């Protein structure tokens, strides 16, 4: 039964990805305590059927639990496994939702947590959940990633406006496109003893898939070649070329 459900899901997911190559997941109605197959929606993407679903539906990027039971930690743990990041697309909108989300992010590095019907959540659960989400929103700590042989460190500006974030694309061995707002990025070499400089930084945009430079940045705009800064208050894009010395 699980095999045929998953094969049907695979046909739908594969057709969708041919149109838009976006991440696709299937969420599971979980097993009620003490219930047997047939007494709950059997054969879905449940933990004991992971291998079947992965084999039958390879176009799915991950499987996700709808957690409506008090044993939130146990179900979250069972869905955090190799190749399957934890995402909770539905959960009880009870007062416990505020701490369940923190547990999912902190203990299992969850990529998302969504109480069901959040627009109609009552008090005091609404106040608790808002305070919990505010704590998560404050965690805009510096981030460091390795890309194309370089170490990129991003810091986020606070204040007005509050939005701060961006993305980086590696477009050539020593070339990156940085886009976003209110973020500063520095570059370091992954090989000890080498240093990185900014050869050029141009603000611009892509037109019909080709880069169109609007202005060359230098001096104070790149902190004398030490960082790339996307100023707050607007979204912009820069193409950056690096050199080693």
Protein backbone atom coordinates (compact mmCIF):
# COMPACT_ATOMS: atom_id res chain seq x y z
CA UNK A 1 0.00 0.00 0.00
CA UNK A 2 2.79 2.42 0.92
CA UNK A 3 4.63 1.54 -2.29
CA UNK A 4 1.66 2.38 -4.50
CA UNK A 5 0.84 5.59 -2.60
CA UNK A 6 4.46 6.66 -2.98
CA UNK A 7 4.60 5.73 -6.68
CA UNK A 8 1.55 7.90 -7.36
CA UNK A 9 3.15 10.72 -5.37
CA UNK A 10 6.33 10.29 -7.42
CA UNK A 11 4.40 10.74 -10.67
CA UNK A 12 2.88 13.99 -9.41
CA UNK A 13 6.17 15.28 -7.92
CA UNK A 14 8.21 14.45 -11.02
CA UNK A 15 5.68 16.21 -13.27
CA UNK A 16 5.77 19.26 -11.04
CA UNK A 17 9.55 19.41 -11.04
CA UNK A 18 9.63 19.27 -14.83
CA UNK A 19 7.69 22.55 -14.80
CA UNK A 20 9.31 24.20 -11.77
CA UNK A 21 12.45 22.59 -10.21
CA UNK A 22 11.47 23.49 -6.65
CA UNK A 23 11.89 21.43 -3.46
CA UNK A 24 8.94 19.08 -2.92
CA UNK A 25 7.94 17.25 0.24
CA UNK A 26 5.13 15.00 1.47
CA UNK A 27 3.68 15.44 4.92
CA UNK A 28 2.36 12.60 7.05
CA UNK A 29 -0.69 12.13 9.24
CA UNK A 30 0.86 10.38 12.20
CA UNK A 31 -0.20 7.27 14.10
CA UNK A 32 -2.57 7.91 16.99
CA UNK A 33 -1.35 6.28 20.20
CA UNK A 34 -2.58 2.71 20.48
CA UNK A 35 -4.10 2.64 16.99
CA UNK A 36 -3.45 -0.10 14.44
CA UNK A 37 -3.12 0.11 10.63
CA UNK A 38 -6.53 0.90 9.23
CA UNK A 39 -7.47 2.92 12.31
CA UNK A 40 -5.33 5.85 11.12
CA UNK A 41 -4.29 7.03 7.60
CA UNK A 42 -2.03 4.05 6.96
CA UNK A 43 0.82 3.77 4.42
CA UNK A 44 1.74 7.45 4.41
CA UNK A 45 5.33 8.75 4.75
CA UNK A 46 5.69 7.50 8.32
CA UNK A 47 9.01 6.73 10.03
CA UNK A 48 8.68 2.94 9.70
CA UNK A 49 8.00 3.38 5.96
CA UNK A 50 10.83 5.81 5.15
CA UNK A 51 12.76 3.31 3.04
CA UNK A 52 9.70 2.44 0.98
CA UNK A 53 8.86 6.08 0.29
CA UNK A 54 12.44 7.00 -0.55
CA UNK A 55 12.74 4.13 -3.01
CA UNK A 56 9.36 4.70 -4.63
CA UNK A 57 9.34 8.53 -4.68
CA UNK A 58 12.90 9.77 -5.37
CA UNK A 59 11.63 13.17 -6.59
CA UNK A 60 10.58 14.05 -3.04
CA UNK A 61 13.27 16.09 -1.27
CA UNK A 62 12.12 15.21 2.25
CA UNK A 63 9.28 13.76 4.32
CA UNK A 64 7.59 15.85 7.00
CA UNK A 65 5.37 15.15 10.03
CA UNK A 66 2.08 16.82 10.96
CA UNK A 67 2.49 16.75 14.74
CA UNK A 68 -0.81 17.04 16.60
CA UNK A 69 0.17 14.94 19.62
CA UNK A 70 1.78 15.84 22.94
CA UNK A 71 4.82 13.67 22.17
CA UNK A 72 6.27 16.40 19.93
CA UNK A 73 9.91 15.70 20.79
CA UNK A 74 9.63 12.01 19.96
CA UNK A 75 8.04 12.58 16.55
CA UNK A 76 10.47 15.37 15.69
CA UNK A 77 13.39 13.09 16.55
CA UNK A 78 12.09 10.33 14.30
CA UNK A 79 11.95 12.62 11.26
CA UNK A 80 15.46 14.07 11.72
CA UNK A 81 17.64 11.55 9.92
CA UNK A 82 20.33 11.48 7.24
CA UNK A 83 19.10 13.07 4.04
CA UNK A 84 15.85 14.23 5.65
CA UNK A 85 15.93 17.69 7.29
CA UNK A 86 13.20 18.32 9.85
CA UNK A 87 10.31 20.47 8.64
CA UNK A 88 7.02 20.60 10.55
CA UNK A 89 4.33 21.84 8.12
CA UNK A 90 1.51 21.40 10.65
CA UNK A 91 1.43 21.37 14.46
CA UNK A 92 -0.98 22.06 17.30
CA UNK A 93 -1.52 25.77 17.95
CA UNK A 94 -1.55 25.21 21.70
CA UNK A 95 0.55 27.19 24.20
CA UNK A 96 3.20 24.45 23.84
CA UNK A 97 3.72 25.47 20.20
CA UNK A 98 5.94 28.33 21.34
CA UNK A 99 8.47 25.99 22.96
CA UNK A 100 8.00 23.15 20.47
CA UNK A 101 9.31 25.46 17.76
CA UNK A 102 12.37 26.34 19.82
CA UNK A 103 13.01 22.65 20.42
CA UNK A 104 12.72 21.86 16.70
CA UNK A 105 15.20 24.58 15.75
CA UNK A 106 17.63 24.06 18.60
CA UNK A 107 17.70 20.27 18.95
CA UNK A 108 17.15 19.24 15.35
CA UNK A 109 18.20 22.23 13.21
CA UNK A 110 14.69 22.36 11.71
CA UNK A 111 14.20 24.32 8.50
CA UNK A 112 10.63 25.29 9.41
CA UNK A 113 7.87 25.05 12.01
CA UNK A 114 4.24 25.96 11.24
CA UNK A 115 1.38 25.73 13.77
CA UNK A 116 -1.83 24.97 11.87
CA UNK A 117 -4.32 27.82 11.50
CA UNK A 118 -1.92 30.35 12.97
CA UNK A 119 -4.21 33.22 11.87
CA UNK A 120 -6.89 32.03 14.31
CA UNK A 121 -4.72 31.15 17.28
CA UNK A 122 -6.18 32.24 20.61
CA UNK A 123 -4.65 33.73 23.74
CA UNK A 124 -2.41 33.10 25.56
CA UNK A 125 -0.94 30.82 22.88
CA UNK A 126 -0.76 33.69 20.37
CA UNK A 127 1.25 35.91 22.74
CA UNK A 128 3.60 33.07 23.64
CA UNK A 129 4.16 32.08 20.01
CA UNK A 130 4.84 35.69 18.96
CA UNK A 131 7.42 36.03 21.74
CA UNK A 132 9.03 32.74 20.70
CA UNK A 133 9.25 33.77 17.04
CA UNK A 134 10.72 37.11 18.14
CA UNK A 135 13.53 35.24 19.87
CA UNK A 136 14.24 33.31 16.67
CA UNK A 137 14.19 36.51 14.62
CA UNK A 138 16.85 38.03 16.88
CA UNK A 139 19.33 35.26 16.06
CA UNK A 140 20.86 37.01 13.09
CA UNK A 141 24.36 35.98 14.04
CA UNK A 142 27.32 36.21 11.65
CA UNK A 143 27.40 33.29 9.25
CA UNK A 144 30.39 31.65 7.61
CA UNK A 145 30.38 29.41 4.54
CA UNK A 146 33.00 27.90 2.23
CA UNK A 147 32.44 28.49 -1.46
CA UNK A 148 34.76 27.96 -4.43
CA UNK A 149 37.84 27.74 -2.24
CA UNK A 150 37.07 30.90 -0.26
CA UNK A 151 35.67 31.46 3.23
CA UNK A 152 32.84 33.99 3.22
CA UNK A 153 31.74 35.65 6.47
CA UNK A 154 28.44 37.56 6.47
CA UNK A 155 27.24 39.98 9.14
CA UNK A 156 23.78 41.54 9.26
CA UNK A 157 22.97 45.13 10.09
CA UNK A 158 20.35 45.96 12.69
CA UNK A 159 18.14 48.99 13.10
CA UNK A 160 15.80 50.60 10.57
CA UNK A 161 14.65 48.96 8.39
CA UNK A 162 14.77 45.60 10.18
CA UNK A 163 15.10 43.41 7.05
CA UNK A 164 18.63 42.05 6.59
CA UNK A 165 19.76 39.17 4.43
CA UNK A 166 21.04 38.07 1.06
CA UNK A 167 22.41 35.36 -1.14
CA UNK A 168 25.75 34.66 -2.84
CA UNK A 169 26.29 32.92 -6.19
CA UNK A 170 29.66 31.62 -7.34
CA UNK A 171 29.78 32.54 -11.05
CA UNK A 172 33.49 31.86 -11.78
CA UNK A 173 36.56 30.51 -9.89
CA UNK A 174 37.25 33.92 -8.26
CA UNK A 175 33.96 35.68 -8.97
CA UNK A 176 30.78 36.01 -6.93
CA UNK A 177 27.44 37.75 -7.31
CA UNK A 178 26.14 39.09 -4.00
CA UNK A 179 22.50 40.18 -3.69
CA UNK A 180 20.33 41.36 -0.81
CA UNK A 181 20.10 44.19 1.69
CA UNK A 182 21.82 45.32 4.89
CA UNK A 183 24.55 42.68 4.81
CA UNK A 184 28.35 42.91 4.79
CA UNK A 185 30.56 40.10 3.46
CA UNK A 186 34.29 39.57 3.91
CA UNK A 187 36.42 37.02 2.08
CA UNK A 188 39.28 34.85 3.34
CA UNK A 189 41.44 32.18 1.76
CA UNK A 190 40.86 28.55 2.68
CA UNK A 191 44.63 27.92 2.38
CA UNK A 192 46.74 29.12 5.34
CA UNK A 193 49.21 31.87 4.52
CA UNK A 194 47.18 33.41 1.70
CA UNK A 195 45.15 36.58 1.82
CA UNK A 196 42.25 37.75 -0.30
CA UNK A 197 41.72 41.13 -1.91
CA UNK A 198 38.81 42.55 -3.89
CA UNK A 199 39.97 43.13 -7.44
CA UNK A 200 36.73 44.80 -8.51
CA UNK A 201 33.17 45.32 -7.31
CA UNK A 202 30.39 46.49 -9.58
CA UNK A 203 26.80 47.25 -8.75
CA UNK A 204 24.36 46.22 -11.46
CA UNK A 205 21.73 43.75 -12.54
CA UNK A 206 21.07 40.88 -14.91
CA UNK A 207 19.19 41.75 -18.10
CA UNK A 208 18.07 38.81 -20.26
CA UNK A 209 20.60 36.63 -18.43
CA UNK A 210 23.58 38.96 -18.99
CA UNK A 211 25.26 41.13 -16.38
CA UNK A 212 24.72 44.86 -16.83
CA UNK A 213 27.07 47.02 -14.75
CA UNK A 214 25.63 50.25 -13.35
CA UNK A 215 28.56 51.65 -11.34
CA UNK A 216 32.05 50.69 -10.22
CA UNK A 217 32.62 50.59 -6.46
CA UNK A 218 35.94 51.36 -4.79
CA UNK A 219 37.54 53.24 -1.92
CA UNK A 220 35.18 53.71 1.00
CA UNK A 221 32.47 51.72 -0.80
CA UNK A 222 34.51 48.52 -0.38
CA UNK A 223 36.34 49.61 2.79
CA UNK A 224 39.53 49.90 0.76
CA UNK A 225 39.05 46.47 -0.76
CA UNK A 226 38.26 44.64 2.45
CA UNK A 227 34.53 43.90 2.23
CA UNK A 228 31.36 44.01 0.17
CA UNK A 229 28.44 45.92 1.70
CA UNK A 230 24.85 45.95 0.53
CA UNK A 231 23.43 49.06 2.14
CA UNK A 232 20.17 48.91 4.15
CA UNK A 233 16.91 50.36 2.91
CA UNK A 234 17.08 48.88 -0.58
CA UNK A 235 17.84 45.62 -2.39
CA UNK A 236 20.88 45.62 -4.66
CA UNK A 237 23.31 43.30 -6.43
CA UNK A 238 27.09 43.39 -6.84
CA UNK A 239 29.49 41.33 -8.95
CA UNK A 240 32.77 40.86 -7.10
CA UNK A 241 36.12 39.61 -8.44
CA UNK A 242 38.82 38.47 -6.01
CA UNK A 243 42.57 37.90 -6.04
CA UNK A 244 44.99 36.08 -3.77
CA UNK A 245 48.30 37.41 -2.43
